[in-house]
C-alpha atoms as a PDB file:
ATOM      1  CA  MET A   1      -0.157   0.277   0.016  1.00  0.00           C
ATOM      2  CA  THR A   2       1.477   3.298  -1.006  1.00  0.00           C
ATOM      3  CA  VAL A   3       0.493   6.783   0.475  1.00  0.00           C
ATOM      4  CA  SER A   4       1.146   9.677  -1.410  1.00  0.00           C
ATOM      5  CA  VAL A   5       0.827  13.250  -0.117  1.00  0.00           C
ATOM      6  CA  PRO A   6      -0.389  15.716  -2.833  1.00  0.00           C
ATOM      7  CA  GLY A   7       1.943  18.718  -3.112  1.00  0.00           C
ATOM      8  CA  PRO A   8       5.796  19.048  -2.536  1.00  0.00           C
ATOM      9  CA  PRO A   9       7.159  17.390   1.130  1.00  0.00           C
ATOM     10  CA  LEU A  10       6.739  20.084   3.921  1.00  0.00           C
ATOM     11  CA  PRO A  11      10.448  21.132   5.202  1.00  0.00           C
ATOM     12  CA  SER A  12      11.260  19.932   8.425  1.00  0.00           C
ATOM     13  CA  PRO A  13      11.687  22.562  11.205  1.00  0.00           C
ATOM     14  CA  TYR A  14      13.910  20.527  13.015  1.00  0.00           C
ATOM     15  CA  PRO A  15      15.910  18.122  10.699  1.00  0.00           C
ATOM     16  CA  LEU A  16      17.256  15.115  12.504  1.00  0.00           C
ATOM     17  CA  ILE A  17      20.756  15.449  10.789  1.00  0.00           C
ATOM     18  CA  ASP A  18      21.507  18.501  13.089  1.00  0.00           C
ATOM     19  CA  HIS A  19      20.636  16.441  16.219  1.00  0.00           C
ATOM     20  CA  LEU A  20      23.408  13.514  15.281  1.00  0.00           C
ATOM     21  CA  PRO A  21      26.910  13.823  16.301  1.00  0.00           C
ATOM     22  CA  ALA A  22      28.748  16.033  14.004  1.00  0.00           C
ATOM     23  CA  VAL A  23      30.877  13.087  12.629  1.00  0.00           C
ATOM     24  CA  PHE A  24      27.586  12.092  10.476  1.00  0.00           C
ATOM     25  CA  ALA A  25      27.020  15.881   9.386  1.00  0.00           C
ATOM     26  CA  GLU A  26      29.338  15.150   6.415  1.00  0.00           C
ATOM     27  CA  ASP A  27      27.815  11.449   5.737  1.00  0.00           C
ATOM     28  CA  ARG A  28      25.689  11.454   2.563  1.00  0.00           C
ATOM     29  CA  PHE A  29      24.186   8.269   4.039  1.00  0.00           C
ATOM     30  CA  ALA A  30      23.052   9.758   6.941  1.00  0.00           C
ATOM     31  CA  GLN A  31      21.703  12.667   5.236  1.00  0.00           C
ATOM     32  CA  ARG A  32      19.664  11.024   2.654  1.00  0.00           C
ATOM     33  CA  PHE A  33      18.640   8.674   5.717  1.00  0.00           C
ATOM     34  CA  THR A  34      17.674  11.155   8.287  1.00  0.00           C
ATOM     35  CA  ALA A  35      15.822  13.257   5.402  1.00  0.00           C
ATOM     36  CA  ALA A  36      13.426  10.239   4.902  1.00  0.00           C
ATOM     37  CA  PHE A  37      12.468  10.320   8.616  1.00  0.00           C
ATOM     38  CA  ASP A  38      12.009  14.102   8.195  1.00  0.00           C
ATOM     39  CA  ASP A  39       9.747  14.052   5.390  1.00  0.00           C
ATOM     40  CA  VAL A  40       7.563  11.977   7.716  1.00  0.00           C
ATOM     41  CA  LEU A  41       7.987  13.924  10.591  1.00  0.00           C
ATOM     42  CA  ALA A  42       7.359  17.184   9.464  1.00  0.00           C
ATOM     43  CA  THR A  43       3.584  16.281   8.755  1.00  0.00           C
ATOM     44  CA  LEU A  44       3.191  15.657  12.680  1.00  0.00           C
ATOM     45  CA  ILE A  45       5.672  18.559  13.799  1.00  0.00           C
ATOM     46  CA  SER A  46       3.934  21.045  11.790  1.00  0.00           C
ATOM     47  CA  PRO A  47       0.472  21.223  13.271  1.00  0.00           C
ATOM     48  CA  ILE A  48       1.735  20.751  16.729  1.00  0.00           C
ATOM     49  CA  ASP A  49       3.938  24.320  15.954  1.00  0.00           C
ATOM     50  CA  CYS A  50       0.582  25.779  14.563  1.00  0.00           C
ATOM     51  CA  VAL A  51      -1.353  24.458  17.423  1.00  0.00           C
ATOM     52  CA  GLY A  52      -2.211  28.075  18.398  1.00  0.00           C
ATOM     53  CA  ALA A  53      -3.851  28.955  15.283  1.00  0.00           C
ATOM     54  CA  TYR A  54      -5.719  25.846  15.586  1.00  0.00           C
ATOM     55  CA  LEU A  55      -7.288  26.996  18.656  1.00  0.00           C
ATOM     56  CA  ASP A  56      -7.970  30.500  17.580  1.00  0.00           C
ATOM     57  CA  PRO A  57     -11.489  30.508  16.184  1.00  0.00           C
ATOM     58  CA  LEU A  58     -10.458  33.333  13.943  1.00  0.00           C
ATOM     59  CA  LEU A  59      -7.619  31.253  12.260  1.00  0.00           C
ATOM     60  CA  ALA A  60      -8.846  27.929  12.657  1.00  0.00           C
ATOM     61  CA  PRO A  61     -10.113  26.213   9.552  1.00  0.00           C
ATOM     62  CA  PRO A  62     -13.976  25.793   8.925  1.00  0.00           C
ATOM     63  CA  ASP A  63     -14.417  22.641  10.150  1.00  0.00           C
ATOM     64  CA  PHE A  64     -12.336  23.257  13.110  1.00  0.00           C
ATOM     65  CA  VAL A  65     -14.155  26.099  14.175  1.00  0.00           C
ATOM     66  CA  ARG A  66     -17.648  23.690  14.595  1.00  0.00           C
ATOM     67  CA  TRP A  67     -15.071  21.469  16.644  1.00  0.00           C
ATOM     68  CA  LEU A  68     -14.006  24.299  19.143  1.00  0.00           C
ATOM     69  CA  ALA A  69     -18.190  25.504  19.154  1.00  0.00           C
ATOM     70  CA  ASP A  70     -18.729  21.785  20.607  1.00  0.00           C
ATOM     71  CA  TRP A  71     -16.073  22.398  23.238  1.00  0.00           C
ATOM     72  CA  PHE A  72     -17.765  25.328  24.512  1.00  0.00           C
ATOM     73  CA  GLY A  73     -21.353  23.943  24.196  1.00  0.00           C
ATOM     74  CA  VAL A  74     -22.118  26.637  21.413  1.00  0.00           C
ATOM     75  CA  LEU A  75     -24.735  25.659  18.800  1.00  0.00           C
ATOM     76  CA  LEU A  76     -23.868  27.278  15.644  1.00  0.00           C
ATOM     77  CA  ASP A  77     -26.675  27.484  12.907  1.00  0.00           C
ATOM     78  CA  GLU A  78     -25.380  26.652   9.283  1.00  0.00           C
ATOM     79  CA  SER A  79     -27.512  29.491   8.039  1.00  0.00           C
ATOM     80  CA  TRP A  80     -25.134  31.845   9.794  1.00  0.00           C
ATOM     81  CA  PRO A  81     -22.157  33.505   7.500  1.00  0.00           C
ATOM     82  CA  GLU A  82     -18.694  32.118   8.558  1.00  0.00           C
ATOM     83  CA  SER A  83     -17.768  35.247  10.079  1.00  0.00           C
ATOM     84  CA  ALA A  84     -20.337  35.296  12.558  1.00  0.00           C
ATOM     85  CA  GLN A  85     -20.005  31.524  13.339  1.00  0.00           C
ATOM     86  CA  ARG A  86     -16.082  32.616  14.208  1.00  0.00           C
ATOM     87  CA  ALA A  87     -17.301  35.616  15.957  1.00  0.00           C
ATOM     88  CA  VAL A  88     -19.718  33.690  18.304  1.00  0.00           C
ATOM     89  CA  VAL A  89     -16.777  30.773  19.191  1.00  0.00           C
ATOM     90  CA  ALA A  90     -14.478  33.643  19.596  1.00  0.00           C
ATOM     91  CA  GLU A  91     -16.788  35.660  22.012  1.00  0.00           C
ATOM     92  CA  ALA A  92     -18.500  32.201  23.908  1.00  0.00           C
ATOM     93  CA  VAL A  93     -16.938  32.788  27.235  1.00  0.00           C
ATOM     94  CA  ASP A  94     -18.062  36.520  27.527  1.00  0.00           C
ATOM     95  CA  LEU A  95     -21.478  35.514  25.974  1.00  0.00           C
ATOM     96  CA  PHE A  96     -21.937  32.707  28.429  1.00  0.00           C
ATOM     97  CA  ARG A  97     -20.968  35.398  31.044  1.00  0.00           C
ATOM     98  CA  MET A  98     -23.489  37.759  30.198  1.00  0.00           C
ATOM     99  CA  ARG A  99     -26.341  34.759  29.355  1.00  0.00           C
ATOM    100  CA  GLY A 100     -29.726  35.739  30.793  1.00  0.00           C
ATOM    101  CA  THR A 101     -29.187  39.814  30.754  1.00  0.00           C
ATOM    102  CA  MET A 102     -30.047  42.422  28.352  1.00  0.00           C
ATOM    103  CA  ALA A 103     -26.407  43.398  27.836  1.00  0.00           C
ATOM    104  CA  GLY A 104     -25.804  39.621  27.172  1.00  0.00           C
ATOM    105  CA  LEU A 105     -28.951  39.719  24.505  1.00  0.00           C
ATOM    106  CA  ARG A 106     -27.996  42.681  22.879  1.00  0.00           C
ATOM    107  CA  ARG A 107     -24.197  41.686  22.204  1.00  0.00           C
ATOM    108  CA  HIS A 108     -25.356  38.261  20.951  1.00  0.00           C
ATOM    109  CA  LEU A 109     -27.353  39.774  18.647  1.00  0.00           C
ATOM    110  CA  ALA A 110     -24.828  42.273  17.520  1.00  0.00           C
ATOM    111  CA  VAL A 111     -22.328  39.297  17.021  1.00  0.00           C
ATOM    112  CA  VAL A 112     -24.759  37.112  15.253  1.00  0.00           C
ATOM    113  CA  VAL A 113     -26.762  39.547  12.943  1.00  0.00           C
ATOM    114  CA  ASP A 114     -25.171  41.417  10.160  1.00  0.00           C
ATOM    115  CA  GLY A 115     -27.667  44.837  10.560  1.00  0.00           C
ATOM    116  CA  GLU A 116     -29.259  46.990  12.790  1.00  0.00           C
ATOM    117  CA  VAL A 117     -30.699  45.801  15.671  1.00  0.00           C
ATOM    118  CA  THR A 118     -33.093  47.350  17.896  1.00  0.00           C
ATOM    119  CA  ILE A 119     -34.549  45.905  21.151  1.00  0.00           C
ATOM    120  CA  SER A 120     -37.120  47.267  23.434  1.00  0.00           C
ATOM    121  CA  GLU A 121     -38.130  46.058  27.004  1.00  0.00           C
ATOM    122  CA  SER A 122     -40.594  46.053  29.807  1.00  0.00           C
ATOM    123  CA  GLY A 123     -37.697  46.648  32.331  1.00  0.00           C
ATOM    124  CA  GLY A 124     -38.011  46.658  35.998  1.00  0.00           C
ATOM    125  CA  THR A 125     -37.428  43.882  38.329  1.00  0.00           C
ATOM    126  CA  SER A 126     -39.100  41.239  40.397  1.00  0.00           C
ATOM    127  CA  VAL A 127     -38.063  40.694  44.283  1.00  0.00           C
ATOM    128  CA  SER A 128     -39.129  37.824  46.491  1.00  0.00           C
ATOM    129  CA  THR A 129     -38.269  37.169  50.106  1.00  0.00           C
ATOM    130  CA  ARG A 130     -38.432  33.335  48.821  1.00  0.00           C
ATOM    131  CA  PRO A 131     -35.862  31.372  47.243  1.00  0.00           C
ATOM    132  CA  ARG A 132     -36.454  30.303  43.781  1.00  0.00           C
ATOM    133  CA  PRO A 133     -40.066  31.496  43.651  1.00  0.00           C
ATOM    134  CA  ASP A 134     -42.077  31.410  40.667  1.00  0.00           C
ATOM    135  CA  PRO A 135     -42.167  34.626  38.585  1.00  0.00           C
ATOM    136  CA  PRO A 136     -44.841  36.992  39.825  1.00  0.00           C
ATOM    137  CA  ALA A 137     -48.257  36.966  37.953  1.00  0.00           C
ATOM    138  CA  ASP A 138     -48.922  40.325  38.115  1.00  0.00           C
ATOM    139  CA  VAL A 139     -46.003  41.649  36.546  1.00  0.00           C
ATOM    140  CA  GLU A 140     -45.598  40.938  32.552  1.00  0.00           C
ATOM    141  CA  HIS A 141     -42.151  41.184  31.419  1.00  0.00           C
ATOM    142  CA  TRP A 142     -41.300  40.995  27.833  1.00  0.00           C
ATOM    143  CA  VAL A 143     -38.708  41.679  25.026  1.00  0.00           C
ATOM    144  CA  ARG A 144     -39.216  42.907  21.590  1.00  0.00           C
ATOM    145  CA  VAL A 145     -36.426  42.531  18.967  1.00  0.00           C
ATOM    146  CA  THR A 146     -36.594  44.140  15.722  1.00  0.00           C
ATOM    147  CA  VAL A 147     -33.919  43.358  13.183  1.00  0.00           C
ATOM    148  CA  ARG A 148     -33.154  45.450  10.109  1.00  0.00           C
ATOM    149  CA  PRO A 149     -30.857  42.993   7.873  1.00  0.00           C
ATOM    150  CA  ARG A 150     -28.258  44.458   5.520  1.00  0.00           C
ATOM    151  CA  VAL A 151     -28.905  42.112   2.893  1.00  0.00           C
ATOM    152  CA  PRO A 152     -33.007  41.112   2.858  1.00  0.00           C
ATOM    153  CA  GLY A 153     -33.274  37.551   3.044  1.00  0.00           C
ATOM    154  CA  ALA A 154     -29.907  36.702   4.358  1.00  0.00           C
ATOM    155  CA  LEU A 155     -31.005  36.232   7.829  1.00  0.00           C
ATOM    156  CA  SER A 156     -32.835  33.250   8.776  1.00  0.00           C
ATOM    157  CA  GLU A 157     -35.394  33.969  11.387  1.00  0.00           C
ATOM    158  CA  ALA A 158     -35.319  30.634  13.237  1.00  0.00           C
ATOM    159  CA  ALA A 159     -31.350  31.252  13.875  1.00  0.00           C
ATOM    160  CA  VAL A 160     -32.323  34.728  15.596  1.00  0.00           C
ATOM    161  CA  GLU A 161     -35.458  32.944  17.277  1.00  0.00           C
ATOM    162  CA  ALA A 162     -32.590  30.394  18.588  1.00  0.00           C
ATOM    163  CA  VAL A 163     -30.194  33.266  19.709  1.00  0.00           C
ATOM    164  CA  ILE A 164     -33.134  35.236  21.398  1.00  0.00           C
ATOM    165  CA  ARG A 165     -34.241  32.094  23.540  1.00  0.00           C
ATOM    166  CA  ALA A 166     -30.968  31.239  24.629  1.00  0.00           C
ATOM    167  CA  ALA A 167     -29.580  34.758  25.627  1.00  0.00           C
ATOM    168  CA  LYS A 168     -32.702  36.056  26.959  1.00  0.00           C
ATOM    169  CA  PRO A 169     -33.831  35.855  30.681  1.00  0.00           C
ATOM    170  CA  VAL A 170     -35.726  32.403  31.044  1.00  0.00           C
ATOM    171  CA  HIS A 171     -39.169  34.052  32.225  1.00  0.00           C
ATOM    172  CA  ILE A 172     -39.616  36.690  29.995  1.00  0.00           C
ATOM    173  CA  THR A 173     -41.520  36.403  27.151  1.00  0.00           C
ATOM    174  CA  HIS A 174     -40.172  37.925  23.285  1.00  0.00           C
ATOM    175  CA  SER A 175     -41.202  38.773  19.812  1.00  0.00           C
ATOM    176  CA  LEU A 176     -39.142  39.020  16.790  1.00  0.00           C
ATOM    177  CA  GLU A 177     -39.795  41.093  14.194  1.00  0.00           C
ATOM    178  CA  VAL A 178     -37.528  41.017  10.918  1.00  0.00           C
ATOM    179  CA  VAL A 179     -38.079  44.563   8.869  1.00  0.00           C
ATOM    180  CA  PRO A 180     -36.646  44.356   5.190  1.00  0.00           C
END
């Protein structure tokens, strides 16, 4: 079985001949022998040297960005542009830190939506002396989100709904309006 690698061989950043005693440095057989190992090891060493780029969502290959999203527990919508997917993964920690707040909702929508986002809310807070009470029934909390995408029809309304549901406080009702 023969394995062929497309393209020219990847140069080794750490040639093995440099790590052998000096007596072998001039030996042509030793140079050719270690060069064969260098060709194989270069394909292993290069990704290890570049691991920082693989872990940076702004530099990583697209399929690796989806893998990083799984690390952070981020659900990416395939309809989002690649730049939005990368931005959500890059800011995952901050977005999770602000989750359940209006500031978090604003930030999450700003990262995902390419366009103008307007949020209006009922405001106010509810207080209880009991731990884990049910939300008060006499106060209505709501959020209205209006989105004006830069490119009409390029926005998945279902994806924006999913972002709103994930980022808003749990007990608050919401509505979404997409204005062309």
